[in-house]
N, C-alpha and C. Protein backbone atom coordinates (compact mmCIF):
# COMPACT_ATOMS: atom_id res chain seq x y z
N MET A 1 97.48 -19.40 14.19
CA MET A 1 97.09 -19.08 12.88
C MET A 1 97.43 -20.12 11.92
N ALA A 2 96.35 -20.40 10.99
CA ALA A 2 96.71 -21.73 10.20
C ALA A 2 98.11 -21.35 9.38
N GLU A 3 98.72 -22.40 8.99
CA GLU A 3 99.88 -22.20 8.03
C GLU A 3 99.24 -22.41 6.49
N GLY A 4 99.98 -21.83 5.56
CA GLY A 4 99.64 -21.89 4.15
C GLY A 4 100.85 -22.59 3.66
N LYS A 5 100.83 -22.67 2.29
CA LYS A 5 101.84 -23.11 1.57
C LYS A 5 103.28 -22.28 1.80
N SER A 6 102.95 -21.15 1.97
CA SER A 6 104.26 -20.01 1.87
C SER A 6 104.10 -19.43 3.31
N GLY A 7 103.73 -19.99 4.18
CA GLY A 7 103.94 -19.47 5.60
C GLY A 7 102.47 -19.32 6.43
N PRO A 8 102.36 -18.24 7.34
CA PRO A 8 101.01 -18.12 7.96
C PRO A 8 100.01 -17.71 7.15
N ALA A 9 98.86 -18.34 7.19
CA ALA A 9 97.56 -17.93 6.49
C ALA A 9 97.32 -16.57 6.47
N ARG A 10 97.03 -16.00 5.59
CA ARG A 10 96.66 -14.41 5.40
C ARG A 10 95.06 -14.39 5.53
N ALA A 11 94.47 -13.54 6.26
CA ALA A 11 92.89 -13.35 6.41
C ALA A 11 92.72 -11.85 6.51
N VAL A 12 91.25 -11.78 6.36
CA VAL A 12 90.74 -10.39 6.64
C VAL A 12 89.19 -10.51 7.03
N GLU A 13 89.10 -9.90 8.16
CA GLU A 13 87.86 -9.78 8.81
C GLU A 13 87.31 -8.43 8.61
N HIS A 14 85.98 -8.30 8.31
CA HIS A 14 85.36 -7.14 8.06
C HIS A 14 84.18 -6.77 9.38
N GLY A 15 84.24 -5.37 9.63
CA GLY A 15 83.44 -4.91 10.39
C GLY A 15 82.90 -3.41 10.22
N HIS A 16 81.94 -2.83 10.85
CA HIS A 16 81.47 -1.53 10.58
C HIS A 16 80.73 -1.27 11.77
N PHE A 17 80.57 0.24 12.08
CA PHE A 17 79.77 0.78 12.95
C PHE A 17 79.37 2.28 12.51
N THR A 18 78.35 2.70 12.98
CA THR A 18 78.25 4.14 12.94
C THR A 18 77.80 4.68 14.53
N ILE A 19 78.39 5.87 14.35
CA ILE A 19 78.14 6.64 15.70
C ILE A 19 77.64 8.06 15.34
N GLU A 20 76.54 8.42 16.09
CA GLU A 20 75.89 9.62 15.71
C GLU A 20 75.86 10.31 17.03
N ARG A 21 76.14 11.64 17.10
CA ARG A 21 76.23 12.47 18.04
C ARG A 21 75.65 13.97 17.78
N VAL A 22 75.05 14.78 18.71
CA VAL A 22 74.64 15.98 18.67
C VAL A 22 75.35 16.80 19.43
N PHE A 23 76.00 17.99 18.72
CA PHE A 23 76.91 18.86 19.56
C PHE A 23 76.12 20.23 19.65
N ASP A 24 76.24 20.87 20.58
CA ASP A 24 75.68 22.27 20.94
C ASP A 24 76.62 23.11 20.37
N ALA A 25 76.91 23.17 18.86
CA ALA A 25 77.60 23.96 18.21
C ALA A 25 77.44 24.13 16.84
N PRO A 26 77.45 25.44 16.21
CA PRO A 26 77.11 25.42 14.77
C PRO A 26 77.92 24.35 13.93
N VAL A 27 77.40 24.03 12.68
CA VAL A 27 78.12 23.12 11.72
C VAL A 27 79.37 23.64 11.52
N PRO A 28 79.83 25.04 11.27
CA PRO A 28 81.21 25.17 10.78
C PRO A 28 82.23 25.14 12.13
N LEU A 29 81.67 25.42 13.08
CA LEU A 29 82.69 24.90 14.14
C LEU A 29 83.00 23.42 14.54
N VAL A 30 82.06 22.77 14.27
CA VAL A 30 82.30 21.22 14.37
C VAL A 30 83.04 20.82 13.26
N PHE A 31 82.86 21.27 12.07
CA PHE A 31 83.76 20.84 10.86
C PHE A 31 85.05 21.58 11.13
N ARG A 32 85.18 22.67 11.55
CA ARG A 32 86.57 23.15 11.98
C ARG A 32 87.42 22.45 12.67
N ALA A 33 86.65 21.90 13.93
CA ALA A 33 87.36 21.04 14.83
C ALA A 33 88.14 19.61 14.18
N TRP A 34 87.55 19.34 12.92
CA TRP A 34 88.26 18.31 12.11
C TRP A 34 89.21 18.87 11.35
N ALA A 35 89.10 20.03 10.66
CA ALA A 35 89.90 20.47 9.55
C ALA A 35 91.01 21.24 10.04
N ASP A 36 91.01 22.06 11.11
CA ASP A 36 92.06 22.74 11.75
C ASP A 36 92.76 22.05 12.40
N LYS A 37 94.16 21.97 12.22
CA LYS A 37 95.39 21.17 12.75
C LYS A 37 95.22 21.43 14.24
N ALA A 38 95.32 22.50 14.68
CA ALA A 38 95.21 22.92 16.15
C ALA A 38 94.09 22.38 16.83
N ALA A 39 92.88 22.91 16.18
CA ALA A 39 91.74 22.27 16.80
C ALA A 39 91.61 20.67 17.04
N LYS A 40 91.95 20.22 16.19
CA LYS A 40 91.98 18.66 16.09
C LYS A 40 92.84 18.01 16.79
N ALA A 41 94.09 18.76 17.02
CA ALA A 41 95.17 18.29 18.16
C ALA A 41 94.40 18.29 19.46
N ARG A 42 93.67 19.17 19.87
CA ARG A 42 92.90 19.43 21.30
C ARG A 42 92.09 18.21 21.51
N TRP A 43 91.62 17.34 20.61
CA TRP A 43 90.85 16.10 20.97
C TRP A 43 91.21 14.76 20.32
N PHE A 44 91.81 14.89 19.26
CA PHE A 44 92.21 13.73 18.39
C PHE A 44 93.62 13.35 18.94
N ALA A 45 93.70 12.34 19.91
CA ALA A 45 95.00 11.78 20.45
C ALA A 45 94.52 10.54 20.98
N GLY A 46 95.52 9.98 21.39
CA GLY A 46 95.52 8.47 22.27
C GLY A 46 94.99 8.66 23.57
N PRO A 47 94.81 7.64 24.25
CA PRO A 47 94.17 7.47 25.77
C PRO A 47 95.24 8.18 26.51
N ASP A 48 94.61 8.53 27.95
CA ASP A 48 95.56 8.85 29.00
C ASP A 48 96.80 8.38 29.14
N GLY A 49 97.78 9.07 29.22
CA GLY A 49 99.19 8.46 29.30
C GLY A 49 99.94 8.12 27.96
N TRP A 50 99.19 8.29 27.03
CA TRP A 50 99.70 8.18 25.75
C TRP A 50 100.69 9.37 25.23
N LYS A 51 101.79 9.21 24.62
CA LYS A 51 102.83 10.02 24.21
C LYS A 51 102.94 10.26 22.86
N GLU A 52 102.63 11.55 22.42
CA GLU A 52 102.56 11.77 20.88
C GLU A 52 104.07 11.62 20.31
N GLU A 53 104.30 11.29 19.29
CA GLU A 53 105.70 11.35 18.62
C GLU A 53 105.69 11.90 17.36
N ILE A 54 104.73 11.77 16.48
CA ILE A 54 104.41 12.27 15.18
C ILE A 54 103.03 12.79 15.04
N ARG A 55 102.74 14.03 14.61
CA ARG A 55 101.46 14.39 14.33
C ARG A 55 101.55 15.32 13.00
N GLU A 56 100.84 15.15 11.98
CA GLU A 56 100.97 15.55 10.75
C GLU A 56 99.54 15.90 10.27
N GLN A 57 99.21 16.69 9.61
CA GLN A 57 97.97 17.15 9.03
C GLN A 57 97.69 17.98 7.77
N ASP A 58 97.48 17.44 6.55
CA ASP A 58 97.39 18.29 5.38
C ASP A 58 95.84 18.04 4.88
N PHE A 59 94.90 18.88 5.28
CA PHE A 59 93.58 18.56 5.27
C PHE A 59 93.19 19.40 3.69
N ARG A 60 93.42 18.53 2.99
CA ARG A 60 92.59 18.44 1.36
C ARG A 60 92.61 17.29 0.68
N VAL A 61 91.75 17.31 -0.20
CA VAL A 61 91.58 15.89 -1.06
C VAL A 61 92.90 15.48 -1.36
N GLY A 62 93.40 14.47 -1.01
CA GLY A 62 94.68 13.74 -1.51
C GLY A 62 95.47 14.20 -0.33
N GLY A 63 95.48 14.75 0.68
CA GLY A 63 96.32 15.36 1.57
C GLY A 63 96.38 14.00 2.63
N HIS A 64 97.35 14.03 3.49
CA HIS A 64 97.55 13.22 4.64
C HIS A 64 97.57 13.38 5.95
N ASP A 65 96.88 12.63 6.85
CA ASP A 65 97.22 12.78 8.40
C ASP A 65 98.10 11.61 8.53
N ARG A 66 99.01 11.83 9.87
CA ARG A 66 99.49 10.83 10.75
C ARG A 66 99.56 11.28 12.02
N LEU A 67 99.42 10.35 12.84
CA LEU A 67 99.32 10.50 14.22
C LEU A 67 100.13 9.10 14.95
N LYS A 68 101.27 9.37 15.52
CA LYS A 68 101.98 8.15 15.98
C LYS A 68 102.40 8.55 17.47
N GLY A 69 102.25 7.43 18.29
CA GLY A 69 102.51 7.76 19.83
C GLY A 69 102.73 6.48 20.49
N VAL A 70 103.31 6.53 21.73
CA VAL A 70 103.46 5.24 22.49
C VAL A 70 102.43 5.35 23.69
N HIS A 71 101.92 4.18 23.99
CA HIS A 71 100.97 4.12 24.89
C HIS A 71 101.64 3.68 26.24
N PRO A 72 101.14 3.93 27.50
CA PRO A 72 101.99 3.77 28.75
C PRO A 72 102.52 2.31 28.91
N ASN A 73 101.94 1.23 28.15
CA ASN A 73 102.61 0.14 28.22
C ASN A 73 103.64 -0.24 27.33
N GLY A 74 103.96 0.72 26.41
CA GLY A 74 105.11 0.68 25.63
C GLY A 74 104.57 0.47 23.96
N MET A 75 103.31 0.14 24.02
CA MET A 75 102.85 -0.35 22.49
C MET A 75 102.86 0.94 21.76
N THR A 76 103.16 0.95 20.25
CA THR A 76 103.25 1.98 19.74
C THR A 76 101.80 1.68 18.69
N SER A 77 101.13 3.05 18.57
CA SER A 77 100.24 3.04 17.26
C SER A 77 100.71 4.12 16.61
N ASP A 78 100.30 3.94 15.19
CA ASP A 78 100.49 4.75 14.09
C ASP A 78 99.27 4.97 13.10
N PHE A 79 98.49 6.02 13.12
CA PHE A 79 97.55 6.09 12.25
C PHE A 79 97.87 6.96 11.10
N ARG A 80 97.74 6.32 9.90
CA ARG A 80 97.85 7.02 8.53
C ARG A 80 96.74 7.17 7.70
N ALA A 81 96.47 8.33 7.37
CA ALA A 81 95.21 8.68 6.62
C ALA A 81 95.43 9.57 5.41
N GLU A 82 94.56 9.27 4.45
CA GLU A 82 94.50 10.00 3.30
C GLU A 82 93.01 10.60 2.94
N TYR A 83 92.88 11.75 2.83
CA TYR A 83 91.33 12.36 2.70
C TYR A 83 91.14 12.20 0.99
N ARG A 84 90.05 11.64 0.98
CA ARG A 84 89.53 11.28 -0.36
C ARG A 84 88.38 12.07 -0.86
N ASP A 85 87.58 12.72 -0.05
CA ASP A 85 86.28 13.48 -0.44
C ASP A 85 86.20 14.50 0.64
N ILE A 86 86.12 15.97 0.52
CA ILE A 86 85.90 16.89 1.63
C ILE A 86 84.77 17.99 0.91
N VAL A 87 83.87 18.12 1.65
CA VAL A 87 82.83 19.09 1.26
C VAL A 87 82.62 19.87 2.45
N PRO A 88 83.05 21.36 2.59
CA PRO A 88 83.21 22.03 3.67
C PRO A 88 81.59 22.04 4.32
N ASP A 89 81.70 21.91 5.52
CA ASP A 89 80.48 21.93 6.56
C ASP A 89 79.70 20.95 6.13
N GLU A 90 79.94 19.98 5.22
CA GLU A 90 78.98 18.91 5.12
C GLU A 90 79.61 17.41 5.12
N ARG A 91 80.65 17.04 4.62
CA ARG A 91 81.24 15.60 4.99
C ARG A 91 82.90 15.56 4.58
N ILE A 92 83.32 14.63 5.26
CA ILE A 92 84.84 14.31 5.04
C ILE A 92 84.75 12.76 5.05
N ILE A 93 85.78 12.32 4.03
CA ILE A 93 85.90 10.97 3.69
C ILE A 93 87.17 10.66 3.75
N TYR A 94 87.76 9.57 4.41
CA TYR A 94 89.13 9.30 4.55
C TYR A 94 89.28 7.95 4.69
N VAL A 95 90.49 7.32 4.08
CA VAL A 95 90.94 5.99 4.44
C VAL A 95 92.00 6.13 5.20
N TYR A 96 92.19 5.10 6.12
CA TYR A 96 93.40 5.24 6.91
C TYR A 96 93.76 3.67 7.26
N ASP A 97 95.16 3.48 7.45
CA ASP A 97 95.91 2.31 7.87
C ASP A 97 96.08 2.53 9.37
N MET A 98 95.92 1.36 10.26
CA MET A 98 96.30 1.62 11.69
C MET A 98 97.50 0.53 11.84
N HIS A 99 98.50 1.01 12.37
CA HIS A 99 99.72 -0.02 12.51
C HIS A 99 99.99 0.00 14.31
N VAL A 100 100.04 -1.03 14.66
CA VAL A 100 100.49 -1.15 16.19
C VAL A 100 101.66 -2.14 16.21
N ASN A 101 102.89 -1.35 16.79
CA ASN A 101 104.32 -2.13 17.11
C ASN A 101 104.77 -2.22 15.68
N GLY A 102 104.51 -1.29 14.70
CA GLY A 102 105.15 -1.64 13.45
C GLY A 102 104.43 -2.55 12.27
N ARG A 103 103.24 -3.15 12.81
CA ARG A 103 102.42 -3.99 12.18
C ARG A 103 101.09 -3.56 11.85
N LYS A 104 100.87 -3.52 10.17
CA LYS A 104 99.44 -3.06 9.93
C LYS A 104 98.46 -4.09 10.25
N ILE A 105 97.32 -3.56 11.16
CA ILE A 105 96.44 -4.27 11.60
C ILE A 105 95.18 -4.15 10.91
N SER A 106 94.79 -2.96 10.01
CA SER A 106 93.62 -2.70 9.75
C SER A 106 93.78 -1.53 8.61
N VAL A 107 92.88 -1.71 7.62
CA VAL A 107 92.63 -0.48 6.68
C VAL A 107 91.10 -0.15 6.98
N SER A 108 90.99 0.89 6.77
CA SER A 108 89.52 1.36 7.09
C SER A 108 88.99 2.55 6.25
N LEU A 109 87.83 2.57 6.09
CA LEU A 109 87.16 3.70 5.26
C LEU A 109 86.08 4.42 6.31
N ALA A 110 86.49 5.74 6.51
CA ALA A 110 85.49 6.68 7.50
C ALA A 110 84.85 7.68 6.77
N THR A 111 83.71 7.95 6.89
CA THR A 111 82.86 8.97 6.69
C THR A 111 82.18 9.94 7.77
N VAL A 112 82.29 11.06 7.58
CA VAL A 112 81.77 12.07 8.68
C VAL A 112 80.93 13.11 7.98
N THR A 113 79.80 13.14 8.46
CA THR A 113 78.76 13.84 8.10
C THR A 113 78.52 14.84 9.20
N PHE A 114 78.18 16.12 8.54
CA PHE A 114 77.70 17.21 9.45
C PHE A 114 76.36 17.80 8.93
N ARG A 115 75.33 17.92 9.99
CA ARG A 115 73.92 18.49 9.45
C ARG A 115 73.63 19.33 10.56
N PRO A 116 72.67 20.33 10.32
CA PRO A 116 72.22 21.16 11.24
C PRO A 116 71.33 20.57 12.03
N ALA A 117 71.07 20.50 13.23
CA ALA A 117 70.12 19.85 14.45
C ALA A 117 69.69 21.06 15.20
N PRO A 118 68.49 20.80 15.63
CA PRO A 118 67.95 21.77 16.66
C PRO A 118 69.12 22.13 17.90
N GLY A 119 69.45 23.12 17.96
CA GLY A 119 70.59 23.61 18.94
C GLY A 119 71.77 23.34 18.62
N GLY A 120 72.32 22.93 17.36
CA GLY A 120 73.66 22.73 17.07
C GLY A 120 73.91 21.95 15.71
N THR A 121 74.69 20.73 16.04
CA THR A 121 75.05 19.87 14.93
C THR A 121 74.79 18.37 15.16
N ARG A 122 74.19 17.73 14.04
CA ARG A 122 74.23 16.18 14.19
C ARG A 122 75.41 15.87 13.23
N MET A 123 76.45 15.14 13.99
CA MET A 123 77.44 14.75 13.34
C MET A 123 77.40 13.11 13.03
N THR A 124 77.74 12.54 12.08
CA THR A 124 77.64 10.93 12.06
C THR A 124 78.88 10.56 11.44
N VAL A 125 79.51 9.44 12.30
CA VAL A 125 80.71 8.97 11.86
C VAL A 125 80.41 7.39 11.49
N THR A 126 80.60 6.89 10.30
CA THR A 126 80.50 5.89 9.92
C THR A 126 81.83 5.06 9.32
N GLU A 127 82.15 3.88 9.86
CA GLU A 127 83.54 3.27 9.74
C GLU A 127 83.41 1.81 9.10
N GLN A 128 84.07 1.62 8.12
CA GLN A 128 83.89 0.18 7.43
C GLN A 128 85.69 -0.12 7.54
N GLY A 129 85.59 -1.39 8.55
CA GLY A 129 87.00 -1.72 8.52
C GLY A 129 87.36 -3.16 7.97
N CYS A 130 88.63 -3.19 7.62
CA CYS A 130 89.21 -4.47 7.28
C CYS A 130 90.04 -4.83 8.04
N TYR A 131 89.92 -5.87 8.99
CA TYR A 131 91.01 -6.31 10.23
C TYR A 131 91.89 -7.56 9.61
N LEU A 132 93.08 -7.31 9.57
CA LEU A 132 93.95 -8.09 9.08
C LEU A 132 94.92 -9.09 9.70
N ASP A 133 95.00 -10.39 9.18
CA ASP A 133 95.97 -11.20 9.63
C ASP A 133 95.71 -11.61 11.06
N GLY A 134 94.66 -12.06 11.40
CA GLY A 134 94.49 -12.42 12.79
C GLY A 134 94.27 -11.43 13.81
N TYR A 135 94.29 -10.12 13.47
CA TYR A 135 93.82 -8.98 14.50
C TYR A 135 92.58 -9.11 14.73
N ASP A 136 92.02 -9.15 15.99
CA ASP A 136 90.63 -9.36 16.51
C ASP A 136 90.29 -8.01 17.11
N ASP A 137 89.48 -7.06 16.45
CA ASP A 137 88.92 -5.88 16.76
C ASP A 137 88.29 -5.84 18.12
N ALA A 138 87.30 -6.69 18.14
CA ALA A 138 86.39 -7.07 19.33
C ALA A 138 85.73 -5.81 19.83
N GLY A 139 85.43 -4.82 18.98
CA GLY A 139 84.63 -3.61 19.26
C GLY A 139 85.69 -2.41 19.64
N SER A 140 86.78 -2.71 19.80
CA SER A 140 87.68 -1.64 20.40
C SER A 140 87.77 -0.40 19.37
N ARG A 141 87.72 -0.53 18.35
CA ARG A 141 87.66 0.58 17.31
C ARG A 141 86.51 1.67 17.56
N GLU A 142 85.32 0.74 17.62
CA GLU A 142 84.21 1.46 17.89
C GLU A 142 84.15 2.20 19.29
N ARG A 143 84.74 1.47 20.23
CA ARG A 143 84.86 2.30 21.67
C ARG A 143 86.05 3.21 21.61
N GLY A 144 86.88 3.16 20.81
CA GLY A 144 88.02 4.12 20.67
C GLY A 144 87.47 5.43 20.15
N THR A 145 86.67 5.21 19.13
CA THR A 145 85.95 6.36 18.20
C THR A 145 84.87 7.14 19.25
N ASN A 146 84.06 6.30 19.92
CA ASN A 146 83.05 7.10 20.93
C ASN A 146 84.10 7.79 22.06
N LEU A 147 85.32 7.37 22.38
CA LEU A 147 86.13 8.30 23.58
C LEU A 147 86.58 9.47 22.65
N LEU A 148 86.99 9.27 21.37
CA LEU A 148 87.21 10.40 20.78
C LEU A 148 86.21 11.62 20.47
N MET A 149 84.86 10.88 20.23
CA MET A 149 83.82 11.73 20.07
C MET A 149 83.44 12.43 21.46
N ASP A 150 83.62 11.79 22.62
CA ASP A 150 83.64 12.55 23.86
C ASP A 150 84.56 13.51 24.01
N ARG A 151 85.73 13.20 23.47
CA ARG A 151 86.62 14.32 23.77
C ARG A 151 86.53 15.53 22.89
N LEU A 152 85.88 15.40 21.51
CA LEU A 152 85.59 16.42 20.66
C LEU A 152 84.32 17.29 21.14
N GLY A 153 83.53 16.41 22.07
CA GLY A 153 82.31 17.21 22.54
C GLY A 153 82.89 18.27 23.78
N ALA A 154 83.84 17.49 24.45
CA ALA A 154 84.35 18.35 25.66
C ALA A 154 85.26 19.84 24.98
N SER A 155 85.97 19.42 23.82
CA SER A 155 86.86 20.35 23.32
C SER A 155 85.96 21.62 22.58
N LEU A 156 84.61 21.02 22.13
CA LEU A 156 83.54 22.14 21.74
C LEU A 156 83.15 23.07 23.01
N ARG A 157 82.63 22.23 24.09
CA ARG A 157 82.22 23.14 25.10
C ARG A 157 83.26 24.04 25.59
N ALA A 158 84.24 23.58 25.69
CA ALA A 158 85.57 24.37 26.17
C ALA A 158 85.63 25.74 25.16
N GLY A 159 85.22 25.89 24.13
CA GLY A 159 85.14 26.66 23.11
C GLY A 159 86.31 26.47 22.09
N SER A 160 86.90 25.52 22.07
CA SER A 160 88.01 25.27 20.85
C SER A 160 87.41 25.19 19.54
């Protein structure tokens, strides 16, 4: 990392992605999978072997989510979000900071929309990220979100 007058140079890299899925479930059920703490806990978690330390959810405009845990290799991840806009059965907009091993690596804006589709719900997740101070996302956030959407689909199929 380049040195500035007062230490390491600070940098921000920007990225974005959009993921669209169609689930064989009605809009209210897919929305509930995000809004209900127990339903969300069934699919919104770290990868296999990850151990949850903190889970908080206050699903309302101005409310906060937090999910912190330890990966099998000992790395800690800490997701801290604030809901900015919620329209039941239509959209959720939240901002979140991601910390790894106590260091903030990114700030993101996420928008989730829900629309009726033949046989179920079309859900679209759009994320705009600011990756901080040398953190190279290299597509990992999009891959991780795709894995979460796979888990959401499995949870919905299981009737959760």
